[in-house]
Structures are given as structure tokens and as C-alpha cells.
Amino acid sequence: MKITEQEVRYVAALANLALSDDEVKKFEADLDQILTHIDKLNELDTSGVEPMARVLYEAQTGTLREDIPVPPLPEAEALANAPQPGAGYFKVPKVIER
């Protein structure tokens, strides 16, 4: 599968990324390799493989911590390192409009 420069620029625009011409060429090659690999995976016969209900196997579930409720951070502590704290929330730049 060959991804085009136009498609790379389109995806970059969707992600609101400004890419240089060199970066576009690099991502074009990288994404093409990824999509080629996915095409190879799609050729595999998985008809005899049952779908998994979860990614982790039983032996790995012991590595997860217990789901124990804890009190949330106090508002002042949560906003202590915020560059622009608001009235109880994080202020972030508007990214919808360009």
C-alpha cells in the first residue's frame, strides 16, 4: 500500500500538526511501512481463533492493583502546577478554530 504526501498532510491537518517537508517525507515512509505490515496481518487466516474478551491473560491479572476508591485530590492541590488555573478548572488554549 502506498500512502501519498497529500494523505500525510491531510492527517497532519486533522491532528492540527504543522509538518515540514522533511517530516512529511519521513512520515510518508513510516506510515507506508505500517500500512504494509497491516496488509500482511490481514492476510492471516484467523477463522479458527476465538475472539478475546480481554487483552490480559489470567496469569497477568495479578499485576494489576486492586480497584479501591480513594478520595480525590483537593482542588488547590490539583491546580497547583497549572500554568493558567481558572475558577476550579484548567484553562487551555482554544484549539477548535485555527
N, C-alpha and C. Protein backbone atom coordinates (compact mmCIF):
# COMPACT_ATOMS: atom_id res chain seq x y z
N MET A 1 0.85 -1.17 0.00
CA MET A 1 0.00 0.00 0.00
C MET A 1 0.89 1.23 0.00
N LYS A 2 0.57 2.19 -0.78
CA LYS A 2 1.36 3.41 -0.86
C LYS A 2 0.51 4.58 -0.37
N ILE A 3 0.99 5.24 0.67
CA ILE A 3 0.31 6.42 1.17
C ILE A 3 0.91 7.63 0.48
N THR A 4 0.10 8.59 0.15
CA THR A 4 0.58 9.74 -0.60
C THR A 4 0.95 10.89 0.33
N GLU A 5 1.71 11.82 -0.22
CA GLU A 5 2.08 13.02 0.53
C GLU A 5 0.83 13.81 0.91
N GLN A 6 -0.14 13.84 0.01
CA GLN A 6 -1.38 14.56 0.27
C GLN A 6 -2.13 13.95 1.46
N GLU A 7 -2.13 12.61 1.55
CA GLU A 7 -2.80 11.93 2.67
C GLU A 7 -2.09 12.22 3.99
N VAL A 8 -0.76 12.26 3.96
CA VAL A 8 0.00 12.57 5.18
C VAL A 8 -0.32 13.99 5.62
N ARG A 9 -0.35 14.91 4.69
CA ARG A 9 -0.68 16.31 5.04
C ARG A 9 -2.12 16.43 5.56
N TYR A 10 -3.02 15.65 5.00
CA TYR A 10 -4.42 15.66 5.45
C TYR A 10 -4.52 15.17 6.89
N VAL A 11 -3.86 14.05 7.20
CA VAL A 11 -3.88 13.51 8.57
C VAL A 11 -3.21 14.49 9.53
N ALA A 12 -2.12 15.11 9.12
CA ALA A 12 -1.44 16.10 9.96
C ALA A 12 -2.37 17.28 10.24
N ALA A 13 -3.12 17.70 9.23
CA ALA A 13 -4.05 18.82 9.42
C ALA A 13 -5.16 18.43 10.40
N LEU A 14 -5.64 17.18 10.31
CA LEU A 14 -6.67 16.72 11.25
C LEU A 14 -6.15 16.75 12.68
N ALA A 15 -4.86 16.44 12.85
CA ALA A 15 -4.24 16.43 14.18
C ALA A 15 -3.71 17.81 14.56
N ASN A 16 -3.96 18.80 13.70
CA ASN A 16 -3.51 20.17 13.94
C ASN A 16 -2.00 20.24 14.10
N LEU A 17 -1.28 19.50 13.24
CA LEU A 17 0.18 19.48 13.26
C LEU A 17 0.72 20.22 12.04
N ALA A 18 1.72 21.03 12.25
CA ALA A 18 2.41 21.70 11.15
C ALA A 18 3.70 20.93 10.89
N LEU A 19 3.77 20.24 9.77
CA LEU A 19 4.94 19.42 9.44
C LEU A 19 5.77 20.08 8.36
N SER A 20 7.09 19.97 8.50
CA SER A 20 7.97 20.45 7.44
C SER A 20 7.96 19.44 6.30
N ASP A 21 8.52 19.82 5.17
CA ASP A 21 8.58 18.91 4.02
C ASP A 21 9.37 17.64 4.36
N ASP A 22 10.45 17.80 5.14
CA ASP A 22 11.24 16.62 5.54
C ASP A 22 10.43 15.69 6.44
N GLU A 23 9.66 16.27 7.35
CA GLU A 23 8.83 15.46 8.24
C GLU A 23 7.74 14.73 7.46
N VAL A 24 7.17 15.40 6.47
CA VAL A 24 6.14 14.76 5.64
C VAL A 24 6.73 13.55 4.93
N LYS A 25 7.91 13.70 4.36
CA LYS A 25 8.57 12.57 3.67
C LYS A 25 8.85 11.43 4.63
N LYS A 26 9.33 11.76 5.85
CA LYS A 26 9.62 10.72 6.84
C LYS A 26 8.35 9.99 7.24
N PHE A 27 7.28 10.74 7.55
CA PHE A 27 6.03 10.11 7.96
C PHE A 27 5.39 9.34 6.81
N GLU A 28 5.60 9.81 5.60
CA GLU A 28 5.07 9.09 4.44
C GLU A 28 5.69 7.69 4.38
N ALA A 29 7.01 7.61 4.57
CA ALA A 29 7.69 6.31 4.56
C ALA A 29 7.27 5.46 5.76
N ASP A 30 7.23 6.08 6.95
CA ASP A 30 6.87 5.34 8.17
C ASP A 30 5.45 4.79 8.09
N LEU A 31 4.51 5.63 7.70
CA LEU A 31 3.12 5.20 7.62
C LEU A 31 2.93 4.14 6.53
N ASP A 32 3.69 4.26 5.45
CA ASP A 32 3.59 3.25 4.40
C ASP A 32 4.06 1.89 4.92
N GLN A 33 5.14 1.87 5.71
CA GLN A 33 5.61 0.61 6.30
C GLN A 33 4.57 0.03 7.25
N ILE A 34 3.95 0.87 8.04
CA ILE A 34 2.93 0.41 8.99
C ILE A 34 1.75 -0.19 8.25
N LEU A 35 1.27 0.51 7.22
CA LEU A 35 0.11 0.01 6.47
C LEU A 35 0.45 -1.26 5.70
N THR A 36 1.68 -1.38 5.21
CA THR A 36 2.10 -2.61 4.54
C THR A 36 2.10 -3.77 5.52
N HIS A 37 2.55 -3.54 6.74
CA HIS A 37 2.55 -4.58 7.77
C HIS A 37 1.11 -4.99 8.11
N ILE A 38 0.22 -4.02 8.21
CA ILE A 38 -1.18 -4.33 8.49
C ILE A 38 -1.78 -5.16 7.37
N ASP A 39 -1.43 -4.85 6.13
CA ASP A 39 -1.90 -5.66 5.00
C ASP A 39 -1.45 -7.11 5.13
N LYS A 40 -0.19 -7.31 5.58
CA LYS A 40 0.31 -8.68 5.79
C LYS A 40 -0.48 -9.37 6.89
N LEU A 41 -0.78 -8.66 7.97
CA LEU A 41 -1.55 -9.24 9.06
C LEU A 41 -2.96 -9.61 8.60
N ASN A 42 -3.53 -8.80 7.72
CA ASN A 42 -4.88 -9.08 7.22
C ASN A 42 -4.92 -10.33 6.35
N GLU A 43 -3.78 -10.79 5.85
CA GLU A 43 -3.73 -12.00 5.03
C GLU A 43 -3.79 -13.27 5.87
N LEU A 44 -3.55 -13.16 7.18
CA LEU A 44 -3.55 -14.33 8.06
C LEU A 44 -4.94 -14.92 8.19
N ASP A 45 -5.00 -16.25 8.23
CA ASP A 45 -6.28 -16.93 8.43
C ASP A 45 -6.54 -17.02 9.93
N THR A 46 -7.51 -16.26 10.39
CA THR A 46 -7.86 -16.25 11.81
C THR A 46 -9.24 -16.87 12.04
N SER A 47 -9.70 -17.67 11.10
CA SER A 47 -11.04 -18.24 11.22
C SER A 47 -11.14 -19.21 12.41
N GLY A 48 -10.05 -19.86 12.81
CA GLY A 48 -10.09 -20.80 13.92
C GLY A 48 -9.72 -20.18 15.26
N VAL A 49 -9.51 -18.88 15.29
CA VAL A 49 -9.10 -18.21 16.52
C VAL A 49 -10.31 -17.52 17.14
N GLU A 50 -10.57 -17.87 18.40
CA GLU A 50 -11.71 -17.25 19.08
C GLU A 50 -11.36 -15.81 19.48
N PRO A 51 -12.33 -14.92 19.39
CA PRO A 51 -12.09 -13.55 19.82
C PRO A 51 -11.80 -13.50 21.31
N MET A 52 -10.96 -12.57 21.71
CA MET A 52 -10.63 -12.41 23.12
C MET A 52 -11.58 -11.42 23.77
N ALA A 53 -12.02 -11.76 24.96
CA ALA A 53 -12.89 -10.86 25.71
C ALA A 53 -12.07 -9.75 26.36
N ARG A 54 -10.79 -10.01 26.61
CA ARG A 54 -9.90 -9.02 27.20
C ARG A 54 -8.48 -9.31 26.75
N VAL A 55 -7.65 -8.34 26.87
CA VAL A 55 -6.28 -8.46 26.39
C VAL A 55 -5.43 -9.26 27.36
N LEU A 56 -5.64 -9.10 28.65
CA LEU A 56 -4.81 -9.76 29.65
C LEU A 56 -5.22 -11.22 29.84
N TYR A 57 -4.24 -12.06 30.02
CA TYR A 57 -4.49 -13.46 30.35
C TYR A 57 -4.65 -13.57 31.87
N GLU A 58 -5.19 -14.69 32.33
CA GLU A 58 -5.42 -14.89 33.77
C GLU A 58 -4.15 -14.71 34.59
N ALA A 59 -3.02 -15.19 34.08
CA ALA A 59 -1.77 -15.12 34.84
C ALA A 59 -1.31 -13.68 35.03
N GLN A 60 -1.73 -12.78 34.16
CA GLN A 60 -1.27 -11.39 34.24
C GLN A 60 -2.18 -10.51 35.09
N THR A 61 -3.34 -10.98 35.45
CA THR A 61 -4.26 -10.13 36.19
C THR A 61 -3.74 -9.81 37.58
N GLY A 62 -2.83 -10.61 38.11
CA GLY A 62 -2.25 -10.35 39.42
C GLY A 62 -1.36 -9.12 39.44
N THR A 63 -0.97 -8.62 38.26
CA THR A 63 -0.09 -7.45 38.21
C THR A 63 -0.87 -6.15 38.33
N LEU A 64 -2.18 -6.22 38.27
CA LEU A 64 -2.98 -5.01 38.38
C LEU A 64 -3.29 -4.72 39.84
N ARG A 65 -3.37 -3.45 40.17
CA ARG A 65 -3.70 -3.10 41.55
C ARG A 65 -5.20 -3.28 41.77
N GLU A 66 -5.57 -3.42 43.01
CA GLU A 66 -6.98 -3.54 43.33
C GLU A 66 -7.67 -2.21 43.09
N ASP A 67 -8.91 -2.26 42.70
CA ASP A 67 -9.68 -1.06 42.43
C ASP A 67 -10.34 -0.59 43.72
N ILE A 68 -9.59 0.19 44.48
CA ILE A 68 -10.07 0.67 45.78
C ILE A 68 -10.34 2.16 45.67
N PRO A 69 -11.54 2.59 46.01
CA PRO A 69 -11.84 4.03 45.93
C PRO A 69 -10.97 4.82 46.91
N VAL A 70 -10.47 5.94 46.46
CA VAL A 70 -9.68 6.85 47.30
C VAL A 70 -10.25 8.24 47.12
N PRO A 71 -10.07 9.10 48.11
CA PRO A 71 -10.59 10.46 47.96
C PRO A 71 -9.84 11.20 46.85
N PRO A 72 -10.53 12.07 46.12
CA PRO A 72 -9.86 12.81 45.06
C PRO A 72 -8.91 13.86 45.62
N LEU A 73 -8.03 14.38 44.75
CA LEU A 73 -7.14 15.46 45.17
C LEU A 73 -7.95 16.69 45.50
N PRO A 74 -7.53 17.43 46.50
CA PRO A 74 -8.18 18.71 46.75
C PRO A 74 -7.98 19.64 45.54
N GLU A 75 -8.94 20.50 45.28
CA GLU A 75 -8.89 21.37 44.10
C GLU A 75 -7.60 22.19 44.05
N ALA A 76 -7.20 22.77 45.16
CA ALA A 76 -6.00 23.60 45.18
C ALA A 76 -4.75 22.79 44.83
N GLU A 77 -4.68 21.57 45.31
CA GLU A 77 -3.53 20.72 45.03
C GLU A 77 -3.52 20.28 43.56
N ALA A 78 -4.68 19.98 43.01
CA ALA A 78 -4.77 19.57 41.61
C ALA A 78 -4.38 20.70 40.66
N LEU A 79 -4.71 21.93 41.02
CA LEU A 79 -4.42 23.08 40.17
C LEU A 79 -3.09 23.76 40.50
N ALA A 80 -2.34 23.23 41.46
CA ALA A 80 -1.11 23.90 41.93
C ALA A 80 -0.10 24.13 40.81
N ASN A 81 0.07 23.19 39.89
CA ASN A 81 1.06 23.33 38.82
C ASN A 81 0.46 23.76 37.49
N ALA A 82 -0.79 24.12 37.47
CA ALA A 82 -1.44 24.54 36.22
C ALA A 82 -0.86 25.88 35.77
N PRO A 83 -0.51 26.02 34.47
CA PRO A 83 0.03 27.30 34.01
C PRO A 83 -0.98 28.44 34.11
N GLN A 84 -2.28 28.12 33.89
CA GLN A 84 -3.32 29.13 33.98
C GLN A 84 -4.53 28.54 34.69
N PRO A 85 -4.50 28.45 36.02
CA PRO A 85 -5.69 27.90 36.69
C PRO A 85 -6.85 28.88 36.60
N GLY A 86 -8.04 28.34 36.47
CA GLY A 86 -9.25 29.17 36.44
C GLY A 86 -9.98 29.02 37.75
N ALA A 87 -11.25 29.29 37.74
CA ALA A 87 -12.07 29.17 38.94
C ALA A 87 -12.46 27.70 39.11
N GLY A 88 -11.49 26.88 39.53
CA GLY A 88 -11.76 25.47 39.76
C GLY A 88 -11.55 24.60 38.55
N TYR A 89 -10.87 25.09 37.53
CA TYR A 89 -10.65 24.29 36.33
C TYR A 89 -9.33 24.70 35.68
N PHE A 90 -8.87 23.92 34.70
CA PHE A 90 -7.67 24.22 33.94
C PHE A 90 -8.05 25.07 32.73
N LYS A 91 -7.38 26.18 32.51
CA LYS A 91 -7.59 26.98 31.32
C LYS A 91 -6.63 26.45 30.24
N VAL A 92 -7.16 26.18 29.08
CA VAL A 92 -6.34 25.69 27.96
C VAL A 92 -6.65 26.53 26.73
N PRO A 93 -5.68 26.62 25.80
CA PRO A 93 -5.94 27.40 24.60
C PRO A 93 -7.02 26.76 23.74
N LYS A 94 -7.76 27.59 23.06
CA LYS A 94 -8.82 27.10 22.17
C LYS A 94 -8.16 26.46 20.96
N VAL A 95 -8.57 25.23 20.64
CA VAL A 95 -7.96 24.52 19.52
C VAL A 95 -8.96 24.19 18.42
N ILE A 96 -10.20 24.58 18.59
CA ILE A 96 -11.22 24.27 17.59
C ILE A 96 -11.05 25.14 16.35
N GLU A 97 -10.77 26.40 16.56
CA GLU A 97 -10.58 27.32 15.45
C GLU A 97 -9.10 27.45 15.15
N ARG A 98 -8.78 27.71 13.89
CA ARG A 98 -7.37 27.88 13.51
C ARG A 98 -7.09 29.30 13.13
